[in-house]
Amino acid sequence: MPTDIAAAIADKVPEAIMDLHAIRPIATLEEVAATVCFLAGSEAGYISGGVVDVSGGFQI
């Protein structure tokens, strides 16, 4: 996700690690915010507990 911290270490992250990411490019802040807005809205009223992974499949 493009943040100040991510930008500071971007040149230190090997391309091989980025190749592990199932969906490229990395999520934007707006995409993550859309998930948060959905969960906070009435359409998610039946969701109770659990983990919503907004990583695009990136797991190390």
PDB file of N, CA and C in Angstrom:
ATOM      1  N   MET A   1       0.842  -1.163   0.000  1.00  0.00           N
ATOM      2  CA  MET A   1       0.000   0.000   0.000  1.00  0.00           C
ATOM      3  C   MET A   1       0.893   1.233   0.000  1.00  0.00           C
ATOM      4  N   PRO A   2       0.603   2.204  -0.804  1.00  0.00           N
ATOM      5  CA  PRO A   2       1.469   3.385  -0.885  1.00  0.00           C
ATOM      6  C   PRO A   2       1.326   4.310   0.324  1.00  0.00           C
ATOM      7  N   THR A   3       2.204   4.124   1.277  1.00  0.00           N
ATOM      8  CA  THR A   3       2.248   4.984   2.460  1.00  0.00           C
ATOM      9  C   THR A   3       3.657   5.547   2.583  1.00  0.00           C
ATOM     10  N   ASP A   4       3.847   6.495   3.489  1.00  0.00           N
ATOM     11  CA  ASP A   4       5.176   7.057   3.692  1.00  0.00           C
ATOM     12  C   ASP A   4       6.164   5.982   4.131  1.00  0.00           C
ATOM     13  N   ILE A   5       5.725   5.083   4.999  1.00  0.00           N
ATOM     14  CA  ILE A   5       6.610   4.013   5.486  1.00  0.00           C
ATOM     15  C   ILE A   5       6.962   3.068   4.338  1.00  0.00           C
ATOM     16  N   ALA A   6       5.967   2.686   3.542  1.00  0.00           N
ATOM     17  CA  ALA A   6       6.228   1.787   2.416  1.00  0.00           C
ATOM     18  C   ALA A   6       7.181   2.422   1.415  1.00  0.00           C
ATOM     19  N   ALA A   7       7.021   3.706   1.171  1.00  0.00           N
ATOM     20  CA  ALA A   7       7.911   4.401   0.232  1.00  0.00           C
ATOM     21  C   ALA A   7       9.343   4.423   0.744  1.00  0.00           C
ATOM     22  N   ALA A   8       9.505   4.525   2.055  1.00  0.00           N
ATOM     23  CA  ALA A   8      10.839   4.590   2.642  1.00  0.00           C
ATOM     24  C   ALA A   8      11.605   3.282   2.491  1.00  0.00           C
ATOM     25  N   ILE A   9      10.890   2.157   2.408  1.00  0.00           N
ATOM     26  CA  ILE A   9      11.576   0.859   2.314  1.00  0.00           C
ATOM     27  C   ILE A   9      11.416   0.196   0.953  1.00  0.00           C
ATOM     28  N   ALA A  10      10.749   0.862   0.015  1.00  0.00           N
ATOM     29  CA  ALA A  10      10.439   0.252  -1.281  1.00  0.00           C
ATOM     30  C   ALA A  10      11.682  -0.257  -2.000  1.00  0.00           C
ATOM     31  N   ASP A  11      12.770   0.474  -1.924  1.00  0.00           N
ATOM     32  CA  ASP A  11      13.978   0.041  -2.639  1.00  0.00           C
ATOM     33  C   ASP A  11      14.690  -1.103  -1.930  1.00  0.00           C
ATOM     34  N   LYS A  12      14.264  -1.436  -0.717  1.00  0.00           N
ATOM     35  CA  LYS A  12      14.888  -2.516   0.040  1.00  0.00           C
ATOM     36  C   LYS A  12      14.124  -3.832  -0.069  1.00  0.00           C
ATOM     37  N   VAL A  13      12.956  -3.800  -0.683  1.00  0.00           N
ATOM     38  CA  VAL A  13      12.147  -5.005  -0.822  1.00  0.00           C
ATOM     39  C   VAL A  13      12.530  -5.700  -2.122  1.00  0.00           C
ATOM     40  N   PRO A  14      13.104  -6.885  -2.019  1.00  0.00           N
ATOM     41  CA  PRO A  14      13.527  -7.586  -3.232  1.00  0.00           C
ATOM     42  C   PRO A  14      12.341  -7.908  -4.137  1.00  0.00           C
ATOM     43  N   GLU A  15      12.579  -7.863  -5.435  1.00  0.00           N
ATOM     44  CA  GLU A  15      11.536  -8.163  -6.409  1.00  0.00           C
ATOM     45  C   GLU A  15      10.998  -9.578  -6.211  1.00  0.00           C
ATOM     46  N   ALA A  16      11.827 -10.488  -5.733  1.00  0.00           N
ATOM     47  CA  ALA A  16      11.383 -11.867  -5.506  1.00  0.00           C
ATOM     48  C   ALA A  16      10.260 -11.931  -4.474  1.00  0.00           C
ATOM     49  N   ILE A  17      10.325 -11.072  -3.461  1.00  0.00           N
ATOM     50  CA  ILE A  17       9.255 -11.041  -2.463  1.00  0.00           C
ATOM     51  C   ILE A  17       7.986 -10.486  -3.087  1.00  0.00           C
ATOM     52  N   MET A  18       8.123  -9.447  -3.906  1.00  0.00           N
ATOM     53  CA  MET A  18       6.951  -8.876  -4.560  1.00  0.00           C
ATOM     54  C   MET A  18       6.312  -9.875  -5.517  1.00  0.00           C
ATOM     55  N   ASP A  19       7.091 -10.778  -6.071  1.00  0.00           N
ATOM     56  CA  ASP A  19       6.553 -11.790  -6.977  1.00  0.00           C
ATOM     57  C   ASP A  19       5.640 -12.773  -6.251  1.00  0.00           C
ATOM     58  N   LEU A  20       5.700 -12.819  -4.919  1.00  0.00           N
ATOM     59  CA  LEU A  20       4.822 -13.687  -4.144  1.00  0.00           C
ATOM     60  C   LEU A  20       3.401 -13.129  -4.076  1.00  0.00           C
ATOM     61  N   HIS A  21       3.229 -11.875  -4.411  1.00  0.00           N
ATOM     62  CA  HIS A  21       1.919 -11.229  -4.339  1.00  0.00           C
ATOM     63  C   HIS A  21       1.040 -11.736  -5.476  1.00  0.00           C
ATOM     64  N   ALA A  22      -0.092 -12.311  -5.120  1.00  0.00           N
ATOM     65  CA  ALA A  22      -0.969 -12.934  -6.115  1.00  0.00           C
ATOM     66  C   ALA A  22      -1.609 -11.913  -7.062  1.00  0.00           C
ATOM     67  N   ILE A  23      -1.943 -10.752  -6.538  1.00  0.00           N
ATOM     68  CA  ILE A  23      -2.608  -9.731  -7.347  1.00  0.00           C
ATOM     69  C   ILE A  23      -1.724  -8.493  -7.340  1.00  0.00           C
ATOM     70  N   ARG A  24      -1.282  -8.095  -8.523  1.00  0.00           N
ATOM     71  CA  ARG A  24      -0.478  -6.887  -8.610  1.00  0.00           C
ATOM     72  C   ARG A  24      -1.309  -5.794  -9.227  1.00  0.00           C
ATOM     73  N   PRO A  25      -1.160  -4.566  -8.945  1.00  0.00           N
ATOM     74  CA  PRO A  25      -0.238  -3.962  -7.999  1.00  0.00           C
ATOM     75  C   PRO A  25      -0.767  -4.052  -6.566  1.00  0.00           C
ATOM     76  N   ILE A  26       0.029  -3.554  -5.637  1.00  0.00           N
ATOM     77  CA  ILE A  26      -0.356  -3.523  -4.230  1.00  0.00           C
ATOM     78  C   ILE A  26      -1.601  -2.652  -4.089  1.00  0.00           C
ATOM     79  N   ALA A  27      -2.452  -2.988  -3.127  1.00  0.00           N
ATOM     80  CA  ALA A  27      -3.701  -2.252  -2.907  1.00  0.00           C
ATOM     81  C   ALA A  27      -3.444  -0.776  -2.625  1.00  0.00           C
ATOM     82  N   THR A  28      -4.382   0.025  -3.084  1.00  0.00           N
ATOM     83  CA  THR A  28      -4.318   1.458  -2.791  1.00  0.00           C
ATOM     84  C   THR A  28      -5.037   1.728  -1.471  1.00  0.00           C
ATOM     85  N   LEU A  29      -4.795   2.887  -0.909  1.00  0.00           N
ATOM     86  CA  LEU A  29      -5.489   3.268   0.321  1.00  0.00           C
ATOM     87  C   LEU A  29      -6.996   3.306   0.087  1.00  0.00           C
ATOM     88  N   GLU A  30      -7.412   3.729  -1.090  1.00  0.00           N
ATOM     89  CA  GLU A  30      -8.841   3.800  -1.417  1.00  0.00           C
ATOM     90  C   GLU A  30      -9.483   2.418  -1.434  1.00  0.00           C
ATOM     91  N   GLU A  31      -8.767   1.425  -1.914  1.00  0.00           N
ATOM     92  CA  GLU A  31      -9.307   0.061  -1.940  1.00  0.00           C
ATOM     93  C   GLU A  31      -9.486  -0.494  -0.535  1.00  0.00           C
ATOM     94  N   VAL A  32      -8.546  -0.233   0.324  1.00  0.00           N
ATOM     95  CA  VAL A  32      -8.660  -0.680   1.715  1.00  0.00           C
ATOM     96  C   VAL A  32      -9.784   0.089   2.407  1.00  0.00           C
ATOM     97  N   ALA A  33      -9.865   1.391   2.150  1.00  0.00           N
ATOM     98  CA  ALA A  33     -10.924   2.211   2.744  1.00  0.00           C
ATOM     99  C   ALA A  33     -12.303   1.736   2.292  1.00  0.00           C
ATOM    100  N   ALA A  34     -12.434   1.297   1.057  1.00  0.00           N
ATOM    101  CA  ALA A  34     -13.724   0.798   0.562  1.00  0.00           C
ATOM    102  C   ALA A  34     -14.167  -0.428   1.350  1.00  0.00           C
ATOM    103  N   THR A  35     -13.229  -1.280   1.716  1.00  0.00           N
ATOM    104  CA  THR A  35     -13.559  -2.446   2.527  1.00  0.00           C
ATOM    105  C   THR A  35     -14.026  -2.022   3.910  1.00  0.00           C
ATOM    106  N   VAL A  36     -13.331  -1.067   4.490  1.00  0.00           N
ATOM    107  CA  VAL A  36     -13.714  -0.550   5.813  1.00  0.00           C
ATOM    108  C   VAL A  36     -15.104   0.064   5.750  1.00  0.00           C
ATOM    109  N   CYS A  37     -15.374   0.845   4.717  1.00  0.00           N
ATOM    110  CA  CYS A  37     -16.693   1.477   4.574  1.00  0.00           C
ATOM    111  C   CYS A  37     -17.785   0.425   4.420  1.00  0.00           C
ATOM    112  N   PHE A  38     -17.512  -0.615   3.657  1.00  0.00           N
ATOM    113  CA  PHE A  38     -18.491  -1.695   3.508  1.00  0.00           C
ATOM    114  C   PHE A  38     -18.791  -2.326   4.856  1.00  0.00           C
ATOM    115  N   LEU A  39     -17.750  -2.659   5.612  1.00  0.00           N
ATOM    116  CA  LEU A  39     -17.950  -3.315   6.904  1.00  0.00           C
ATOM    117  C   LEU A  39     -18.670  -2.415   7.907  1.00  0.00           C
ATOM    118  N   ALA A  40     -18.493  -1.105   7.761  1.00  0.00           N
ATOM    119  CA  ALA A  40     -19.150  -0.167   8.671  1.00  0.00           C
ATOM    120  C   ALA A  40     -20.589   0.136   8.245  1.00  0.00           C
ATOM    121  N   GLY A  41     -20.962  -0.257   7.043  1.00  0.00           N
ATOM    122  CA  GLY A  41     -22.278   0.072   6.513  1.00  0.00           C
ATOM    123  C   GLY A  41     -23.332  -0.974   6.833  1.00  0.00           C
ATOM    124  N   SER A  42     -24.550  -0.648   6.490  1.00  0.00           N
ATOM    125  CA  SER A  42     -25.689  -1.525   6.775  1.00  0.00           C
ATOM    126  C   SER A  42     -25.668  -2.808   5.943  1.00  0.00           C
ATOM    127  N   GLU A  43     -25.018  -2.797   4.785  1.00  0.00           N
ATOM    128  CA  GLU A  43     -24.963  -4.000   3.944  1.00  0.00           C
ATOM    129  C   GLU A  43     -24.153  -5.127   4.581  1.00  0.00           C
ATOM    130  N   ALA A  44     -23.340  -4.795   5.564  1.00  0.00           N
ATOM    131  CA  ALA A  44     -22.533  -5.808   6.250  1.00  0.00           C
ATOM    132  C   ALA A  44     -23.138  -6.153   7.605  1.00  0.00           C
ATOM    133  N   GLY A  45     -24.412  -5.846   7.782  1.00  0.00           N
ATOM    134  CA  GLY A  45     -25.073  -6.050   9.063  1.00  0.00           C
ATOM    135  C   GLY A  45     -25.097  -7.488   9.556  1.00  0.00           C
ATOM    136  N   TYR A  46     -24.997  -8.442   8.665  1.00  0.00           N
ATOM    137  CA  TYR A  46     -25.049  -9.848   9.061  1.00  0.00           C
ATOM    138  C   TYR A  46     -23.662 -10.430   9.328  1.00  0.00           C
ATOM    139  N   ILE A  47     -22.634  -9.654   9.079  1.00  0.00           N
ATOM    140  CA  ILE A  47     -21.264 -10.108   9.348  1.00  0.00           C
ATOM    141  C   ILE A  47     -20.968  -9.860  10.823  1.00  0.00           C
ATOM    142  N   SER A  48     -20.634 -10.922  11.525  1.00  0.00           N
ATOM    143  CA  SER A  48     -20.338 -10.773  12.954  1.00  0.00           C
ATOM    144  C   SER A  48     -19.051 -11.515  13.287  1.00  0.00           C
ATOM    145  N   GLY A  49     -17.997 -10.753  13.466  1.00  0.00           N
ATOM    146  CA  GLY A  49     -16.704 -11.347  13.789  1.00  0.00           C
ATOM    147  C   GLY A  49     -16.017 -11.902  12.558  1.00  0.00           C
ATOM    148  N   GLY A  50     -14.792 -12.237  12.723  1.00  0.00           N
ATOM    149  CA  GLY A  50     -14.029 -12.791  11.629  1.00  0.00           C
ATOM    150  C   GLY A  50     -12.923 -11.850  11.193  1.00  0.00           C
ATOM    151  N   VAL A  51     -12.127 -12.319  10.281  1.00  0.00           N
ATOM    152  CA  VAL A  51     -11.006 -11.538   9.764  1.00  0.00           C
ATOM    153  C   VAL A  51     -11.225 -11.322   8.272  1.00  0.00           C
ATOM    154  N   VAL A  52     -11.180 -10.092   7.840  1.00  0.00           N
ATOM    155  CA  VAL A  52     -11.286  -9.780   6.428  1.00  0.00           C
ATOM    156  C   VAL A  52      -9.893  -9.441   5.939  1.00  0.00           C
ATOM    157  N   ASP A  53      -9.345 -10.306   5.133  1.00  0.00           N
ATOM    158  CA  ASP A  53      -7.987 -10.141   4.623  1.00  0.00           C
ATOM    159  C   ASP A  53      -8.014  -9.244   3.400  1.00  0.00           C
ATOM    160  N   VAL A  54      -7.441  -8.057   3.498  1.00  0.00           N
ATOM    161  CA  VAL A  54      -7.412  -7.115   2.385  1.00  0.00           C
ATOM    162  C   VAL A  54      -5.963  -7.000   1.903  1.00  0.00           C
ATOM    163  N   SER A  55      -5.373  -8.155   1.637  1.00  0.00           N
ATOM    164  CA  SER A  55      -3.964  -8.171   1.253  1.00  0.00           C
ATOM    165  C   SER A  55      -3.772  -8.506  -0.228  1.00  0.00           C
ATOM    166  N   GLY A  56      -4.844  -8.809  -0.923  1.00  0.00           N
ATOM    167  CA  GLY A  56      -4.707  -9.207  -2.321  1.00  0.00           C
ATOM    168  C   GLY A  56      -4.006 -10.548  -2.484  1.00  0.00           C
ATOM    169  N   GLY A  57      -4.006 -11.317  -1.434  1.00  0.00           N
ATOM    170  CA  GLY A  57      -3.386 -12.639  -1.473  1.00  0.00           C
ATOM    171  C   GLY A  57      -1.929 -12.664  -1.042  1.00  0.00           C
ATOM    172  N   PHE A  58      -1.393 -11.520  -0.597  1.00  0.00           N
ATOM    173  CA  PHE A  58       0.010 -11.446  -0.197  1.00  0.00           C
ATOM    174  C   PHE A  58       0.180 -11.926   1.230  1.00  0.00           C
ATOM    175  N   GLN A  59       0.841 -13.035   1.385  1.00  0.00           N
ATOM    176  CA  GLN A  59       1.137 -13.568   2.711  1.00  0.00           C
ATOM    177  C   GLN A  59       2.520 -14.175   2.694  1.00  0.00           C
ATOM    178  N   ILE A  60       3.312 -13.820   3.686  1.00  0.00           N
ATOM    179  CA  ILE A  60       4.656 -14.406   3.790  1.00  0.00           C
ATOM    180  C   ILE A  60       4.661 -15.371   4.947  1.00  0.00           C
TER     181      ILE A  60
END
